[in-house]
Amino acid sequence: MNTSQLALDTLCKIVIDLQNRVSILEGENVETTNCLYEIENRLQSQIEAIINYERSKNFTEYELLGPK
């Protein structure tokens, strides 16, 4: 095997290695994005629960005390 063929084989191996690494990173990116969406949804649900609690608390106070 001559030098140029050896260099070409080495480059091909490097390209294949890089393609494999990119595939792994893309998969991890999808997993990370899914986790972030899940966190966002949970936070939004908690925020809505707090808002609803505060609204109901204020409404109850209004019913008990009457308008100010």
N, C-alpha and C. Protein backbone atom coordinates (compact mmCIF):
# COMPACT_ATOMS: atom_id res chain seq x y z
N MET A 1 0.85 -1.17 0.00
CA MET A 1 0.00 0.00 0.00
C MET A 1 0.90 1.23 0.00
N ASN A 2 0.63 2.15 -0.92
CA ASN A 2 1.48 3.34 -1.00
C ASN A 2 1.00 4.40 0.01
N THR A 3 1.77 5.46 0.11
CA THR A 3 1.52 6.51 1.09
C THR A 3 0.19 7.22 0.86
N SER A 4 -0.14 7.52 -0.38
CA SER A 4 -1.39 8.23 -0.66
C SER A 4 -2.60 7.36 -0.34
N GLN A 5 -2.50 6.07 -0.61
CA GLN A 5 -3.61 5.16 -0.28
C GLN A 5 -3.77 5.04 1.23
N LEU A 6 -2.66 5.01 1.94
CA LEU A 6 -2.70 4.94 3.40
C LEU A 6 -3.34 6.20 3.98
N ALA A 7 -2.98 7.36 3.42
CA ALA A 7 -3.56 8.63 3.88
C ALA A 7 -5.05 8.66 3.60
N LEU A 8 -5.47 8.17 2.45
CA LEU A 8 -6.88 8.14 2.09
C LEU A 8 -7.66 7.20 3.02
N ASP A 9 -7.09 6.05 3.32
CA ASP A 9 -7.72 5.12 4.25
C ASP A 9 -7.86 5.74 5.64
N THR A 10 -6.84 6.44 6.07
CA THR A 10 -6.87 7.10 7.38
C THR A 10 -7.96 8.16 7.41
N LEU A 11 -8.05 8.95 6.34
CA LEU A 11 -9.09 9.98 6.26
C LEU A 11 -10.49 9.37 6.26
N CYS A 12 -10.66 8.29 5.56
CA CYS A 12 -11.96 7.61 5.52
C CYS A 12 -12.35 7.12 6.92
N LYS A 13 -11.40 6.57 7.64
CA LYS A 13 -11.66 6.11 9.01
C LYS A 13 -12.04 7.28 9.91
N ILE A 14 -11.36 8.40 9.73
CA ILE A 14 -11.65 9.59 10.54
C ILE A 14 -13.05 10.11 10.22
N VAL A 15 -13.41 10.14 8.95
CA VAL A 15 -14.74 10.60 8.54
C VAL A 15 -15.82 9.69 9.12
N ILE A 16 -15.62 8.40 9.05
CA ILE A 16 -16.59 7.45 9.61
C ILE A 16 -16.72 7.65 11.11
N ASP A 17 -15.59 7.84 11.78
CA ASP A 17 -15.58 8.09 13.21
C ASP A 17 -16.37 9.36 13.55
N LEU A 18 -16.14 10.40 12.78
CA LEU A 18 -16.84 11.67 13.01
C LEU A 18 -18.35 11.53 12.75
N GLN A 19 -18.71 10.78 11.71
CA GLN A 19 -20.13 10.55 11.43
C GLN A 19 -20.80 9.82 12.59
N ASN A 20 -20.12 8.86 13.16
CA ASN A 20 -20.65 8.12 14.31
C ASN A 20 -20.82 9.05 15.51
N ARG A 21 -19.85 9.91 15.75
CA ARG A 21 -19.93 10.85 16.87
C ARG A 21 -21.07 11.84 16.66
N VAL A 22 -21.27 12.31 15.44
CA VAL A 22 -22.36 13.24 15.13
C VAL A 22 -23.71 12.55 15.40
N SER A 23 -23.84 11.30 15.00
CA SER A 23 -25.08 10.56 15.24
C SER A 23 -25.39 10.45 16.73
N ILE A 24 -24.36 10.17 17.50
CA ILE A 24 -24.53 10.07 18.96
C ILE A 24 -24.96 11.42 19.52
N LEU A 25 -24.29 12.49 19.11
CA LEU A 25 -24.62 13.83 19.60
C LEU A 25 -26.02 14.26 19.19
N GLU A 26 -26.43 13.91 17.99
CA GLU A 26 -27.79 14.24 17.55
C GLU A 26 -28.82 13.53 18.42
N GLY A 27 -28.55 12.27 18.75
CA GLY A 27 -29.45 11.52 19.63
C GLY A 27 -29.53 12.14 21.01
N GLU A 28 -28.39 12.53 21.54
CA GLU A 28 -28.35 13.18 22.85
C GLU A 28 -29.08 14.52 22.80
N ASN A 29 -28.96 15.23 21.69
CA ASN A 29 -29.65 16.51 21.54
C ASN A 29 -31.16 16.33 21.58
N VAL A 30 -31.65 15.30 20.94
CA VAL A 30 -33.09 15.01 20.95
C VAL A 30 -33.54 14.70 22.37
N GLU A 31 -32.77 13.90 23.09
CA GLU A 31 -33.11 13.56 24.47
C GLU A 31 -33.12 14.80 25.35
N THR A 32 -32.12 15.65 25.19
CA THR A 32 -32.05 16.88 25.97
C THR A 32 -33.22 17.80 25.67
N THR A 33 -33.56 17.94 24.40
CA THR A 33 -34.68 18.78 24.01
C THR A 33 -35.98 18.25 24.60
N ASN A 34 -36.18 16.95 24.57
CA ASN A 34 -37.38 16.35 25.16
C ASN A 34 -37.45 16.62 26.66
N CYS A 35 -36.32 16.50 27.34
CA CYS A 35 -36.28 16.77 28.78
C CYS A 35 -36.62 18.23 29.07
N LEU A 36 -36.10 19.13 28.25
CA LEU A 36 -36.39 20.56 28.44
C LEU A 36 -37.87 20.85 28.24
N TYR A 37 -38.49 20.24 27.24
CA TYR A 37 -39.93 20.42 27.03
C TYR A 37 -40.73 19.89 28.22
N GLU A 38 -40.30 18.75 28.75
CA GLU A 38 -40.98 18.18 29.91
C GLU A 38 -40.87 19.12 31.12
N ILE A 39 -39.69 19.67 31.34
CA ILE A 39 -39.49 20.62 32.44
C ILE A 39 -40.36 21.86 32.22
N GLU A 40 -40.38 22.36 31.00
CA GLU A 40 -41.19 23.54 30.69
C GLU A 40 -42.67 23.27 30.98
N ASN A 41 -43.16 22.12 30.57
CA ASN A 41 -44.56 21.77 30.80
C ASN A 41 -44.88 21.66 32.29
N ARG A 42 -43.98 21.05 33.05
CA ARG A 42 -44.19 20.93 34.50
C ARG A 42 -44.21 22.30 35.16
N LEU A 43 -43.28 23.16 34.78
CA LEU A 43 -43.24 24.50 35.34
C LEU A 43 -44.51 25.28 34.99
N GLN A 44 -44.94 25.17 33.75
CA GLN A 44 -46.16 25.86 33.34
C GLN A 44 -47.36 25.38 34.14
N SER A 45 -47.44 24.08 34.38
CA SER A 45 -48.54 23.53 35.18
C SER A 45 -48.50 24.05 36.61
N GLN A 46 -47.30 24.13 37.18
CA GLN A 46 -47.16 24.65 38.54
C GLN A 46 -47.54 26.12 38.60
N ILE A 47 -47.13 26.89 37.61
CA ILE A 47 -47.47 28.32 37.56
C ILE A 47 -48.98 28.49 37.47
N GLU A 48 -49.62 27.70 36.62
CA GLU A 48 -51.07 27.78 36.48
C GLU A 48 -51.78 27.39 37.77
N ALA A 49 -51.25 26.39 38.46
CA ALA A 49 -51.85 25.98 39.73
C ALA A 49 -51.73 27.09 40.77
N ILE A 50 -50.61 27.76 40.82
CA ILE A 50 -50.42 28.88 41.75
C ILE A 50 -51.38 30.02 41.41
N ILE A 51 -51.48 30.35 40.13
CA ILE A 51 -52.39 31.42 39.70
C ILE A 51 -53.83 31.07 40.07
N ASN A 52 -54.24 29.85 39.80
CA ASN A 52 -55.61 29.43 40.13
C ASN A 52 -55.84 29.46 41.63
N TYR A 53 -54.86 29.05 42.41
CA TYR A 53 -54.99 29.08 43.87
C TYR A 53 -55.15 30.52 44.35
N GLU A 54 -54.33 31.42 43.85
CA GLU A 54 -54.41 32.82 44.26
C GLU A 54 -55.74 33.44 43.85
N ARG A 55 -56.21 33.11 42.66
CA ARG A 55 -57.51 33.64 42.21
C ARG A 55 -58.64 33.14 43.10
N SER A 56 -58.61 31.86 43.42
CA SER A 56 -59.68 31.30 44.26
C SER A 56 -59.60 31.86 45.67
N LYS A 57 -58.39 32.08 46.19
CA LYS A 57 -58.21 32.65 47.51
C LYS A 57 -58.76 34.08 47.54
N ASN A 58 -58.42 34.85 46.52
CA ASN A 58 -58.92 36.23 46.44
C ASN A 58 -60.43 36.27 46.29
N PHE A 59 -60.98 35.35 45.51
CA PHE A 59 -62.42 35.30 45.31
C PHE A 59 -63.12 34.97 46.63
N THR A 60 -62.56 34.03 47.39
CA THR A 60 -63.13 33.65 48.69
C THR A 60 -63.08 34.83 49.65
N GLU A 61 -61.97 35.55 49.69
CA GLU A 61 -61.85 36.73 50.55
C GLU A 61 -62.89 37.78 50.15
N TYR A 62 -63.12 37.94 48.86
CA TYR A 62 -64.10 38.91 48.37
C TYR A 62 -65.50 38.52 48.82
N GLU A 63 -65.80 37.21 48.75
CA GLU A 63 -67.11 36.74 49.18
C GLU A 63 -67.30 36.96 50.66
N LEU A 64 -66.25 36.70 51.47
CA LEU A 64 -66.37 36.82 52.93
C LEU A 64 -66.39 38.28 53.40
N LEU A 65 -65.56 39.11 52.81
CA LEU A 65 -65.40 40.47 53.29
C LEU A 65 -66.23 41.47 52.50
N GLY A 66 -66.66 41.11 51.33
CA GLY A 66 -67.39 42.04 50.48
C GLY A 66 -66.43 42.97 49.78
N PRO A 67 -66.93 43.79 48.88
CA PRO A 67 -66.04 44.70 48.15
C PRO A 67 -65.45 45.75 49.08
N LYS A 68 -64.26 46.18 48.78
CA LYS A 68 -63.58 47.19 49.62
C LYS A 68 -63.99 48.57 49.23
